[in-house]
Amino acid sequence: MAEQEKKKRIFFGEVVSDKMDKTVVVKVTRTYKDSSFHKIMRSSKKYKVHDENEQAKLGDKVEFYEGKPVSKTKCMYLSRVLSNA
């Protein structure tokens, strides 16, 4: 039996903190329509992303993906920097 490769989820967000060593905090904002009030709602979540080369800076738009855990709270890896601040 050949093992299937798990499809990695890809996220897009903005760097809100780059003070840690080899780690950036990225805020991902998503919009959705509320089912009961029929309003457009916005929610956001912060992820700790592993940045090996420390190429992302504060305010950058980045792309990152899900992978195996690096630490207790970090299981995301930086893919590329989309635009600089």
N, C-alpha and C. Protein backbone atom coordinates (compact mmCIF):
# COMPACT_ATOMS: atom_id res chain seq x y z
N MET A 1 0.83 -1.18 0.00
CA MET A 1 0.00 0.00 0.00
C MET A 1 0.87 1.25 0.00
N ALA A 2 0.61 2.11 -0.92
CA ALA A 2 1.35 3.36 -0.97
C ALA A 2 0.66 4.38 -0.08
N GLU A 3 1.45 5.04 0.76
CA GLU A 3 0.88 6.05 1.64
C GLU A 3 0.60 7.32 0.86
N GLN A 4 -0.56 7.88 1.11
CA GLN A 4 -0.92 9.13 0.45
C GLN A 4 -0.33 10.30 1.21
N GLU A 5 0.14 11.28 0.46
CA GLU A 5 0.69 12.47 1.07
C GLU A 5 -0.45 13.37 1.53
N LYS A 6 -0.39 13.83 2.76
CA LYS A 6 -1.44 14.70 3.29
C LYS A 6 -1.31 16.08 2.65
N LYS A 7 -2.42 16.60 2.14
CA LYS A 7 -2.40 17.90 1.50
C LYS A 7 -2.22 18.98 2.57
N LYS A 8 -1.25 19.84 2.36
CA LYS A 8 -0.93 20.87 3.34
C LYS A 8 -1.84 22.08 3.11
N ARG A 9 -2.37 22.61 4.21
CA ARG A 9 -3.20 23.81 4.11
C ARG A 9 -2.30 25.03 3.94
N ILE A 10 -2.71 25.92 3.07
CA ILE A 10 -1.94 27.14 2.79
C ILE A 10 -2.72 28.33 3.33
N PHE A 11 -2.03 29.23 4.03
CA PHE A 11 -2.64 30.41 4.63
C PHE A 11 -1.95 31.66 4.11
N PHE A 12 -2.67 32.78 4.13
CA PHE A 12 -2.13 34.08 3.78
C PHE A 12 -2.43 35.03 4.92
N GLY A 13 -1.46 35.85 5.30
CA GLY A 13 -1.69 36.77 6.41
C GLY A 13 -0.64 37.87 6.47
N GLU A 14 -0.73 38.66 7.54
CA GLU A 14 0.16 39.80 7.74
C GLU A 14 0.95 39.60 9.02
N VAL A 15 2.25 39.89 8.96
CA VAL A 15 3.14 39.74 10.12
C VAL A 15 2.83 40.85 11.12
N VAL A 16 2.52 40.45 12.37
CA VAL A 16 2.23 41.44 13.41
C VAL A 16 3.35 41.52 14.45
N SER A 17 4.26 40.53 14.46
CA SER A 17 5.39 40.56 15.39
C SER A 17 6.54 39.76 14.81
N ASP A 18 7.75 40.30 14.92
CA ASP A 18 8.95 39.58 14.47
C ASP A 18 10.05 39.65 15.52
N LYS A 19 9.68 39.74 16.79
CA LYS A 19 10.65 39.92 17.86
C LYS A 19 11.32 38.63 18.31
N MET A 20 10.71 37.48 18.01
CA MET A 20 11.28 36.20 18.43
C MET A 20 12.34 35.72 17.44
N ASP A 21 13.19 34.82 17.91
CA ASP A 21 14.24 34.26 17.08
C ASP A 21 13.67 33.16 16.20
N LYS A 22 13.78 33.32 14.86
CA LYS A 22 13.30 32.37 13.86
C LYS A 22 11.79 32.12 13.92
N THR A 23 11.04 33.07 14.47
CA THR A 23 9.59 32.94 14.56
C THR A 23 8.94 34.29 14.30
N VAL A 24 7.87 34.28 13.52
CA VAL A 24 7.05 35.47 13.33
C VAL A 24 5.61 35.12 13.69
N VAL A 25 4.88 36.13 14.18
CA VAL A 25 3.46 35.94 14.47
C VAL A 25 2.69 36.56 13.32
N VAL A 26 1.81 35.75 12.71
CA VAL A 26 1.07 36.18 11.54
C VAL A 26 -0.42 36.18 11.86
N LYS A 27 -1.11 37.26 11.49
CA LYS A 27 -2.55 37.38 11.72
C LYS A 27 -3.27 37.09 10.41
N VAL A 28 -4.17 36.09 10.47
CA VAL A 28 -4.97 35.70 9.30
C VAL A 28 -6.40 36.17 9.56
N THR A 29 -6.92 36.98 8.64
CA THR A 29 -8.27 37.51 8.76
C THR A 29 -9.15 36.83 7.72
N ARG A 30 -10.31 36.34 8.17
CA ARG A 30 -11.24 35.73 7.23
C ARG A 30 -12.59 36.43 7.35
N THR A 31 -13.32 36.49 6.24
CA THR A 31 -14.65 37.09 6.24
C THR A 31 -15.66 36.00 5.91
N TYR A 32 -16.84 36.12 6.52
CA TYR A 32 -17.90 35.15 6.29
C TYR A 32 -19.24 35.83 6.52
N LYS A 33 -20.30 35.23 6.02
CA LYS A 33 -21.64 35.77 6.21
C LYS A 33 -22.28 35.08 7.39
N ASP A 34 -22.76 35.85 8.35
CA ASP A 34 -23.40 35.30 9.54
C ASP A 34 -24.74 34.68 9.15
N SER A 35 -25.00 33.47 9.67
CA SER A 35 -26.19 32.74 9.25
C SER A 35 -27.48 33.31 9.84
N SER A 36 -27.44 33.85 11.03
CA SER A 36 -28.67 34.35 11.64
C SER A 36 -28.93 35.83 11.36
N PHE A 37 -27.90 36.65 11.33
CA PHE A 37 -28.09 38.09 11.12
C PHE A 37 -27.85 38.52 9.67
N HIS A 38 -27.32 37.63 8.83
CA HIS A 38 -27.06 37.90 7.41
C HIS A 38 -26.16 39.11 7.21
N LYS A 39 -25.18 39.25 8.11
CA LYS A 39 -24.20 40.32 8.00
C LYS A 39 -22.86 39.73 7.58
N ILE A 40 -22.05 40.55 6.96
CA ILE A 40 -20.69 40.14 6.64
C ILE A 40 -19.85 40.35 7.90
N MET A 41 -19.30 39.27 8.43
CA MET A 41 -18.52 39.31 9.66
C MET A 41 -17.05 39.10 9.33
N ARG A 42 -16.19 39.55 10.23
CA ARG A 42 -14.75 39.39 10.06
C ARG A 42 -14.18 38.83 11.35
N SER A 43 -13.37 37.78 11.22
CA SER A 43 -12.69 37.23 12.39
C SER A 43 -11.23 37.01 12.04
N SER A 44 -10.39 37.01 13.06
CA SER A 44 -8.96 36.85 12.81
C SER A 44 -8.37 35.89 13.83
N LYS A 45 -7.26 35.29 13.44
CA LYS A 45 -6.55 34.35 14.29
C LYS A 45 -5.06 34.55 14.07
N LYS A 46 -4.27 34.38 15.15
CA LYS A 46 -2.83 34.56 15.05
C LYS A 46 -2.15 33.20 15.08
N TYR A 47 -1.15 33.03 14.23
CA TYR A 47 -0.35 31.81 14.15
C TYR A 47 1.11 32.15 14.35
N LYS A 48 1.83 31.27 15.05
CA LYS A 48 3.28 31.39 15.14
C LYS A 48 3.87 30.59 13.98
N VAL A 49 4.69 31.26 13.17
CA VAL A 49 5.21 30.67 11.94
C VAL A 49 6.72 30.59 12.03
N HIS A 50 7.27 29.42 11.68
CA HIS A 50 8.72 29.22 11.69
C HIS A 50 9.34 29.89 10.47
N ASP A 51 10.27 30.81 10.72
CA ASP A 51 10.96 31.57 9.67
C ASP A 51 12.45 31.32 9.82
N GLU A 52 12.94 30.29 9.17
CA GLU A 52 14.33 29.84 9.34
C GLU A 52 15.35 30.93 8.99
N ASN A 53 15.15 31.64 7.87
CA ASN A 53 16.12 32.63 7.41
C ASN A 53 15.80 34.04 7.91
N GLU A 54 14.76 34.20 8.70
CA GLU A 54 14.34 35.49 9.24
C GLU A 54 14.19 36.53 8.13
N GLN A 55 13.42 36.18 7.10
CA GLN A 55 13.24 37.08 5.96
C GLN A 55 11.97 37.93 6.07
N ALA A 56 11.01 37.54 6.91
CA ALA A 56 9.78 38.31 7.07
C ALA A 56 9.96 39.38 8.14
N LYS A 57 9.47 40.56 7.84
CA LYS A 57 9.55 41.69 8.76
C LYS A 57 8.15 42.15 9.13
N LEU A 58 8.05 43.03 10.08
CA LEU A 58 6.79 43.55 10.57
C LEU A 58 6.01 44.23 9.45
N GLY A 59 4.75 43.85 9.27
CA GLY A 59 3.89 44.45 8.26
C GLY A 59 3.89 43.76 6.91
N ASP A 60 4.75 42.76 6.70
CA ASP A 60 4.81 42.04 5.43
C ASP A 60 3.60 41.14 5.25
N LYS A 61 3.18 40.96 4.01
CA LYS A 61 2.16 39.97 3.66
C LYS A 61 2.91 38.68 3.31
N VAL A 62 2.52 37.56 3.94
CA VAL A 62 3.25 36.31 3.76
C VAL A 62 2.30 35.16 3.44
N GLU A 63 2.89 34.09 2.91
CA GLU A 63 2.19 32.84 2.66
C GLU A 63 2.89 31.78 3.49
N PHE A 64 2.11 30.94 4.20
CA PHE A 64 2.70 29.88 5.01
C PHE A 64 1.83 28.65 4.96
N TYR A 65 2.40 27.53 5.40
CA TYR A 65 1.69 26.26 5.30
C TYR A 65 1.84 25.46 6.59
N GLU A 66 0.98 24.46 6.73
CA GLU A 66 0.94 23.62 7.91
C GLU A 66 1.94 22.47 7.75
N GLY A 67 2.64 22.11 8.83
CA GLY A 67 3.60 21.03 8.79
C GLY A 67 3.71 20.35 10.13
N LYS A 68 4.79 19.59 10.31
CA LYS A 68 4.94 18.91 11.59
C LYS A 68 5.37 19.90 12.66
N PRO A 69 5.03 19.66 13.92
CA PRO A 69 5.31 20.62 14.98
C PRO A 69 6.80 20.87 15.19
N VAL A 70 7.15 22.16 15.34
CA VAL A 70 8.52 22.56 15.64
C VAL A 70 8.68 22.69 17.15
N SER A 71 7.62 23.19 17.80
CA SER A 71 7.62 23.35 19.25
C SER A 71 6.19 23.15 19.75
N LYS A 72 5.94 23.51 20.99
CA LYS A 72 4.62 23.31 21.58
C LYS A 72 3.53 24.10 20.86
N THR A 73 3.82 25.32 20.46
CA THR A 73 2.81 26.18 19.84
C THR A 73 3.07 26.49 18.38
N LYS A 74 4.10 25.93 17.78
CA LYS A 74 4.48 26.30 16.42
C LYS A 74 4.50 25.09 15.50
N CYS A 75 3.58 25.09 14.51
CA CYS A 75 3.54 24.00 13.53
C CYS A 75 3.31 24.53 12.12
N MET A 76 3.63 25.79 11.89
CA MET A 76 3.49 26.43 10.59
C MET A 76 4.87 26.82 10.07
N TYR A 77 5.02 26.79 8.74
CA TYR A 77 6.30 27.11 8.11
C TYR A 77 6.10 28.19 7.06
N LEU A 78 7.02 29.14 7.01
CA LEU A 78 6.95 30.23 6.04
C LEU A 78 7.26 29.71 4.65
N SER A 79 6.40 30.03 3.71
CA SER A 79 6.60 29.62 2.33
C SER A 79 7.30 30.72 1.54
N ARG A 80 6.71 31.92 1.57
CA ARG A 80 7.32 33.05 0.87
C ARG A 80 6.73 34.36 1.36
N VAL A 81 7.46 35.44 1.11
CA VAL A 81 7.00 36.78 1.43
C VAL A 81 6.36 37.34 0.16
N LEU A 82 5.09 37.72 0.25
CA LEU A 82 4.36 38.20 -0.92
C LEU A 82 4.65 39.67 -1.21
N SER A 83 4.59 40.51 -0.18
CA SER A 83 4.89 41.92 -0.37
C SER A 83 5.52 42.49 0.90
N ASN A 84 6.45 43.39 0.71
CA ASN A 84 7.13 44.01 1.84
C ASN A 84 6.33 45.20 2.35
N ALA A 85 6.53 45.51 3.63
CA ALA A 85 5.81 46.64 4.25
C ALA A 85 6.40 47.95 3.80
